[in-house]
Amino acid sequence: MSPVSTLRRTTRATYVGHGVIVARIEHEQRLFRGMKDQHAFVVSERGAWEFLYRGATYRQGPGTIQLKQPGEIYRDLRREGPASYDMVLFEPAVLAAARAASSTTGEVVFATPQLAASDPRAAALFALRRAVARSGDPLAIETAVAEAALALVSLGASQHPAGHEGRAVQRARAYLLERLAERIRLDDVADHVGVDKYHLIRAFGAQVGVPPYEFVTHARVHRARELLRRGVPAGTAATTVGFCDQSQLHRHFVRLVGVTPGRYAASARTSVTRTGEAASARTERGESTRRR
């Protein structure tokens, strides 16, 4: 066994503030399958992998930026050795402000999950990554965040029209997301989108990457994470998002997120506290500078 293959995966937040989180992942060897709950982009430094998204297969590695759409399923298929990369996640309010400033209507939905590093719009994303790593100047970081958010909005502004089958799956996804807290029947979904359930299952799996039931499970865990971050008790979060009880949430949460709901909520509270302390410290430094 080579020395590299024995290295363990590590994840750490290298920056939290101004509406973004930058996470550093090293020695990643696992195959990820799941959803992100925020818009994000990934800058690869080492290693490559193939992933399935909306029924198509993509190869990710140095030279391309991976774009993450919240609420969408991403499924890694294989890895070419351990990978190291940075992931930059945006709070929803940041993109909402950028969308309003650019007079863009509708949600930010990426037409493709990748962006070439040579694309002019990638420059703002790289600049943000450099700014949070090297600059302690709030103005520089705030500017970089705003410019990167505008770049992401521009990437999500134009959509390619979907065919009949694509529209049926889109409507099915929307139907499922609107009714997460309900007991959903496949026949009802099929009737809503106007196709038979067998055709729907085949098209849904091909485009989304998982069958409708697994998509709903991911979406329920995704929404439960939002509630836990807001301080909602795990038992209440479980029934709110459509799980039968807290034990069902616990089982799926550990499987998909890797930690228990309780540990996730505690970590979120710690992160909020640290972010508030950091913001307070920045304010105090700024006031001290102005007094001088």
Protein backbone atom coordinates (compact mmCIF):
# COMPACT_ATOMS: atom_id res chain seq x y z
CA MET A 1 0.00 0.00 0.00
CA SER A 2 1.37 3.39 -0.96
CA PRO A 3 1.88 6.05 1.76
CA VAL A 4 -0.64 8.40 0.11
CA SER A 5 -3.49 5.89 0.35
CA THR A 6 -3.10 5.67 4.14
CA LEU A 7 -3.74 9.40 4.65
CA ARG A 8 -7.04 10.19 6.34
CA ARG A 9 -9.56 12.72 5.08
CA THR A 10 -9.47 16.06 6.90
CA THR A 11 -11.94 18.92 6.75
CA ARG A 12 -11.55 22.31 8.36
CA ALA A 13 -13.12 25.74 7.98
CA THR A 14 -10.41 28.16 6.91
CA TYR A 15 -12.68 31.23 6.84
CA VAL A 16 -16.14 32.12 8.19
CA GLY A 17 -17.56 35.60 7.73
CA HIS A 18 -19.13 38.16 5.37
CA GLY A 19 -21.73 35.60 4.30
CA VAL A 20 -19.33 32.89 3.14
CA ILE A 21 -17.71 29.78 4.56
CA VAL A 22 -14.50 28.41 3.08
CA ALA A 23 -13.79 24.76 3.88
CA ARG A 24 -10.56 22.95 3.10
CA ILE A 25 -10.88 19.22 2.34
CA GLU A 26 -7.74 17.12 1.98
CA HIS A 27 -7.10 13.45 1.17
CA GLU A 28 -10.73 12.85 0.17
CA GLN A 29 -11.23 9.26 -0.97
CA ARG A 30 -14.93 8.74 -0.26
CA LEU A 31 -17.66 8.82 -2.89
CA PHE A 32 -20.09 11.59 -1.98
CA ARG A 33 -23.81 11.35 -2.68
CA GLY A 34 -26.17 13.98 -1.40
CA MET A 35 -27.34 17.59 -1.39
CA LYS A 36 -25.82 20.88 -0.40
CA ASP A 37 -28.02 23.41 1.35
CA GLN A 38 -26.24 26.48 -0.03
CA HIS A 39 -24.89 27.64 -3.37
CA ALA A 40 -21.21 26.77 -3.48
CA PHE A 41 -18.23 26.24 -5.72
CA VAL A 42 -15.31 23.83 -5.49
CA VAL A 43 -11.74 24.58 -6.57
CA SER A 44 -9.73 21.38 -7.06
CA GLU A 45 -6.02 21.29 -6.34
CA ARG A 46 -5.21 17.60 -6.53
CA GLY A 47 -6.98 14.46 -7.65
CA ALA A 48 -9.89 13.97 -10.01
CA TRP A 49 -13.28 12.32 -9.87
CA GLU A 50 -16.35 11.61 -11.96
CA PHE A 51 -19.81 12.58 -10.74
CA LEU A 52 -23.39 12.18 -11.92
CA TYR A 53 -25.63 15.24 -12.05
CA ARG A 54 -29.03 15.59 -13.74
CA GLY A 55 -28.46 12.38 -15.66
CA ALA A 56 -25.08 13.35 -17.15
CA THR A 57 -21.55 12.34 -16.10
CA TYR A 58 -18.82 14.96 -15.55
CA ARG A 59 -15.13 14.76 -14.76
CA GLN A 60 -13.88 17.14 -12.07
CA GLY A 61 -10.28 18.06 -11.34
CA PRO A 62 -7.77 20.91 -11.55
CA GLY A 63 -8.68 23.23 -14.40
CA THR A 64 -12.41 23.24 -13.71
CA ILE A 65 -14.59 24.72 -10.98
CA GLN A 66 -17.49 22.63 -9.75
CA LEU A 67 -20.70 24.55 -9.08
CA LYS A 68 -23.05 23.28 -6.38
CA GLN A 69 -26.79 23.94 -6.64
CA PRO A 70 -28.68 23.68 -3.32
CA GLY A 71 -31.34 21.01 -3.22
CA GLU A 72 -29.84 19.03 -6.11
CA ILE A 73 -28.39 15.52 -5.89
CA TYR A 74 -24.69 15.07 -6.69
CA ARG A 75 -23.36 11.53 -6.87
CA ASP A 76 -19.67 10.66 -7.17
CA LEU A 77 -19.05 7.64 -9.35
CA ARG A 78 -15.30 7.05 -8.99
CA ARG A 79 -12.10 8.76 -7.87
CA GLU A 80 -8.66 8.89 -9.41
CA GLY A 81 -6.70 8.95 -6.18
CA PRO A 82 -7.20 11.10 -3.06
CA ALA A 83 -8.42 14.64 -3.77
CA SER A 84 -7.72 17.97 -2.10
CA TYR A 85 -9.92 20.99 -2.75
CA ASP A 86 -11.50 24.14 -1.32
CA MET A 87 -15.26 24.57 -1.10
CA VAL A 88 -16.75 28.06 -0.79
CA LEU A 89 -20.37 28.23 0.42
CA PHE A 90 -22.60 31.31 0.22
CA GLU A 91 -25.38 32.28 2.61
CA PRO A 92 -28.69 32.70 0.73
CA ALA A 93 -28.90 36.40 1.65
CA VAL A 94 -25.65 37.12 -0.21
CA LEU A 95 -26.92 35.78 -3.52
CA ALA A 96 -30.34 37.34 -2.95
CA ALA A 97 -28.69 40.76 -2.64
CA ALA A 98 -26.55 40.16 -5.73
CA ARG A 99 -29.61 39.03 -7.69
CA ALA A 100 -31.52 42.17 -6.71
CA ALA A 101 -28.57 44.40 -7.59
CA SER A 102 -28.26 42.83 -11.04
CA SER A 103 -32.03 43.01 -11.68
CA THR A 104 -32.11 39.26 -12.24
CA THR A 105 -35.49 37.63 -11.73
CA GLY A 106 -36.07 34.11 -10.51
CA GLU A 107 -33.81 31.79 -8.57
CA VAL A 108 -30.12 31.27 -9.25
CA VAL A 109 -30.07 27.92 -11.06
CA PHE A 110 -26.85 26.84 -12.75
CA ALA A 111 -27.33 25.50 -16.27
CA THR A 112 -24.16 23.41 -15.89
CA PRO A 113 -22.33 22.10 -12.82
CA GLN A 114 -18.91 23.13 -14.08
CA LEU A 115 -17.01 26.22 -15.12
CA ALA A 116 -13.66 26.20 -16.91
CA ALA A 117 -10.89 27.92 -14.97
CA SER A 118 -10.20 29.95 -18.14
CA ASP A 119 -13.74 31.35 -18.24
CA PRO A 120 -13.69 35.11 -17.45
CA ARG A 121 -16.40 34.62 -14.81
CA ALA A 122 -14.10 32.26 -12.91
CA ALA A 123 -11.74 35.15 -12.14
CA ALA A 124 -14.07 36.52 -9.44
CA LEU A 125 -14.35 33.09 -7.81
CA PHE A 126 -10.58 32.65 -7.68
CA ALA A 127 -10.21 36.21 -6.38
CA LEU A 128 -12.55 35.47 -3.46
CA ARG A 129 -10.60 32.35 -2.56
CA ARG A 130 -7.35 34.35 -2.56
CA ALA A 131 -8.86 37.26 -0.60
CA VAL A 132 -10.07 35.18 2.33
CA ALA A 133 -6.77 33.28 2.44
CA ARG A 134 -4.38 36.24 2.26
CA SER A 135 -6.18 39.45 3.17
CA GLY A 136 -7.23 40.68 6.58
CA ASP A 137 -8.79 43.79 5.07
CA PRO A 138 -12.60 43.69 5.44
CA LEU A 139 -13.07 45.95 2.41
CA ALA A 140 -11.06 43.61 0.19
CA ILE A 141 -12.98 40.57 1.40
CA GLU A 142 -16.39 42.24 1.15
CA THR A 143 -15.59 43.36 -2.39
CA ALA A 144 -14.44 39.88 -3.37
CA VAL A 145 -17.61 38.31 -1.90
CA ALA A 146 -19.84 40.74 -3.79
CA GLU A 147 -18.03 40.21 -7.10
CA ALA A 148 -18.10 36.42 -6.70
CA ALA A 149 -21.82 36.51 -5.87
CA LEU A 150 -22.51 38.56 -8.99
CA ALA A 151 -20.53 36.03 -11.05
CA LEU A 152 -22.61 33.16 -9.66
CA VAL A 153 -25.83 35.06 -10.36
CA SER A 154 -24.73 35.56 -13.98
CA LEU A 155 -23.98 31.84 -14.26
CA GLY A 156 -27.47 31.00 -13.04
CA ALA A 157 -29.33 33.62 -15.05
CA SER A 158 -29.74 31.78 -18.36
CA GLN A 159 -31.52 28.46 -18.67
CA HIS A 160 -31.71 25.99 -21.51
CA PRO A 161 -35.28 24.90 -22.31
CA ALA A 162 -36.09 21.37 -21.19
CA GLY A 163 -37.91 18.78 -23.25
CA HIS A 164 -41.20 17.20 -22.22
CA GLU A 165 -39.49 14.55 -20.11
CA GLY A 166 -37.26 17.15 -18.46
CA ARG A 167 -40.24 19.33 -17.60
CA ALA A 168 -42.07 16.35 -16.09
CA VAL A 169 -39.13 15.63 -13.78
CA GLN A 170 -38.82 19.30 -12.85
CA ARG A 171 -42.52 19.42 -11.95
CA ALA A 172 -42.18 16.18 -9.98
CA ARG A 173 -39.25 17.61 -8.00
CA ALA A 174 -41.24 20.76 -7.22
CA TYR A 175 -44.27 18.70 -6.18
CA LEU A 176 -42.18 16.54 -3.84
CA LEU A 177 -40.44 19.56 -2.27
CA GLU A 178 -43.74 21.34 -1.65
CA ARG A 179 -45.16 18.30 0.16
CA LEU A 180 -42.21 17.01 2.18
CA ALA A 181 -44.22 16.99 5.42
CA GLU A 182 -46.98 14.87 3.84
CA ARG A 183 -47.27 11.16 3.11
CA ILE A 184 -46.53 11.28 -0.60
CA ARG A 185 -47.83 8.64 -3.01
CA LEU A 186 -46.08 7.90 -6.28
CA ASP A 187 -49.40 7.71 -8.13
CA ASP A 188 -50.24 11.24 -7.00
CA VAL A 189 -46.91 12.54 -8.29
CA ALA A 190 -47.37 10.78 -11.62
CA ASP A 191 -50.91 12.13 -12.00
CA HIS A 192 -49.69 15.64 -11.18
CA VAL A 193 -47.03 15.64 -13.92
CA GLY A 194 -49.13 13.71 -16.45
CA VAL A 195 -47.00 10.61 -17.01
CA ASP A 196 -47.31 7.03 -15.80
CA LYS A 197 -45.38 6.16 -12.66
CA TYR A 198 -43.06 3.69 -14.39
CA HIS A 199 -41.99 6.26 -16.94
CA LEU A 200 -41.59 8.82 -14.15
CA ILE A 201 -39.33 6.56 -12.09
CA ARG A 202 -37.09 5.88 -15.08
CA ALA A 203 -36.86 9.55 -16.12
CA PHE A 204 -36.43 10.77 -12.53
CA GLY A 205 -33.60 8.35 -11.81
CA ALA A 206 -31.86 9.18 -15.09
CA GLN A 207 -31.99 12.94 -14.56
CA VAL A 208 -31.76 13.35 -10.79
CA GLY A 209 -29.50 10.37 -10.10
CA VAL A 210 -31.70 8.73 -7.45
CA PRO A 211 -35.33 7.53 -7.36
CA PRO A 212 -38.07 9.82 -5.99
CA TYR A 213 -38.13 8.22 -2.52
CA GLU A 214 -34.39 8.75 -1.98
CA PHE A 215 -34.66 12.30 -3.31
CA VAL A 216 -37.35 13.00 -0.71
CA THR A 217 -35.17 11.53 2.04
CA HIS A 218 -32.25 13.76 1.05
CA ALA A 219 -34.57 16.78 0.86
CA ARG A 220 -36.04 16.07 4.30
CA VAL A 221 -32.58 15.81 5.85
CA HIS A 222 -31.58 18.97 3.97
CA ARG A 223 -34.52 20.87 5.46
CA ALA A 224 -33.96 19.38 8.91
CA ARG A 225 -30.43 20.79 8.87
CA GLU A 226 -31.86 24.27 8.30
CA LEU A 227 -34.22 23.85 11.27
CA LEU A 228 -31.50 22.48 13.55
CA ARG A 229 -29.27 25.45 12.74
CA ARG A 230 -32.12 27.73 13.82
CA GLY A 231 -32.35 25.95 17.17
CA VAL A 232 -35.42 23.80 16.50
CA PRO A 233 -35.34 20.61 18.65
CA ALA A 234 -34.57 17.41 16.73
CA GLY A 235 -37.94 15.85 17.53
CA THR A 236 -39.84 18.86 16.22
CA ALA A 237 -37.61 19.08 13.15
CA ALA A 238 -38.25 15.40 12.38
CA THR A 239 -42.04 15.71 12.23
CA THR A 240 -41.91 19.13 10.55
CA VAL A 241 -40.00 17.78 7.54
CA GLY A 242 -42.08 14.60 7.22
CA PHE A 243 -40.23 11.89 9.13
CA CYS A 244 -42.33 9.60 11.32
CA ASP A 245 -40.33 10.36 14.45
CA GLN A 246 -36.96 11.45 15.78
CA SER A 247 -35.43 7.99 15.42
CA GLN A 248 -36.12 7.97 11.68
CA LEU A 249 -34.50 11.40 11.34
CA HIS A 250 -31.53 10.17 13.39
CA ARG A 251 -31.02 7.12 11.16
CA HIS A 252 -31.11 9.00 7.86
CA PHE A 253 -29.21 12.01 9.24
CA VAL A 254 -26.27 9.87 10.36
CA ARG A 255 -26.27 8.03 7.03
CA LEU A 256 -26.28 11.17 4.88
CA VAL A 257 -24.54 13.81 7.02
CA GLY A 258 -22.18 11.60 8.99
CA VAL A 259 -23.06 12.91 12.47
CA THR A 260 -26.11 12.77 14.72
CA PRO A 261 -28.67 15.61 14.65
CA GLY A 262 -27.63 16.56 18.19
CA ARG A 263 -23.94 16.88 17.31
CA TYR A 264 -24.82 18.82 14.15
CA ALA A 265 -26.98 21.28 16.12
CA ALA A 266 -24.26 21.74 18.74
CA SER A 267 -21.66 22.37 16.04
CA ALA A 268 -23.95 24.93 14.38
CA ARG A 269 -24.42 26.78 17.69
CA THR A 270 -20.65 26.85 18.20
CA SER A 271 -20.12 28.19 14.68
CA VAL A 272 -22.66 30.98 15.22
CA THR A 273 -21.01 31.93 18.51
CA ARG A 274 -17.55 32.04 16.95
CA THR A 275 -18.79 34.04 13.97
CA GLY A 276 -20.41 36.56 16.32
CA GLU A 277 -17.25 36.83 18.39
CA ALA A 278 -15.15 37.32 15.26
CA ALA A 279 -17.50 40.03 13.97
CA SER A 280 -17.41 41.76 17.35
CA ALA A 281 -13.61 41.64 17.34
CA ARG A 282 -13.48 43.12 13.83
CA THR A 283 -15.80 45.93 14.94
CA GLU A 284 -13.68 46.66 17.98
CA ARG A 285 -10.51 46.74 15.86
CA GLY A 286 -12.17 49.11 13.42
CA GLU A 287 -13.33 51.46 16.18
CA SER A 288 -9.85 51.39 17.74
CA THR A 289 -8.30 52.26 14.37
CA ARG A 290 -10.67 55.19 13.86
CA ARG A 291 -9.92 56.56 17.33
CA ARG A 292 -6.22 56.47 16.55
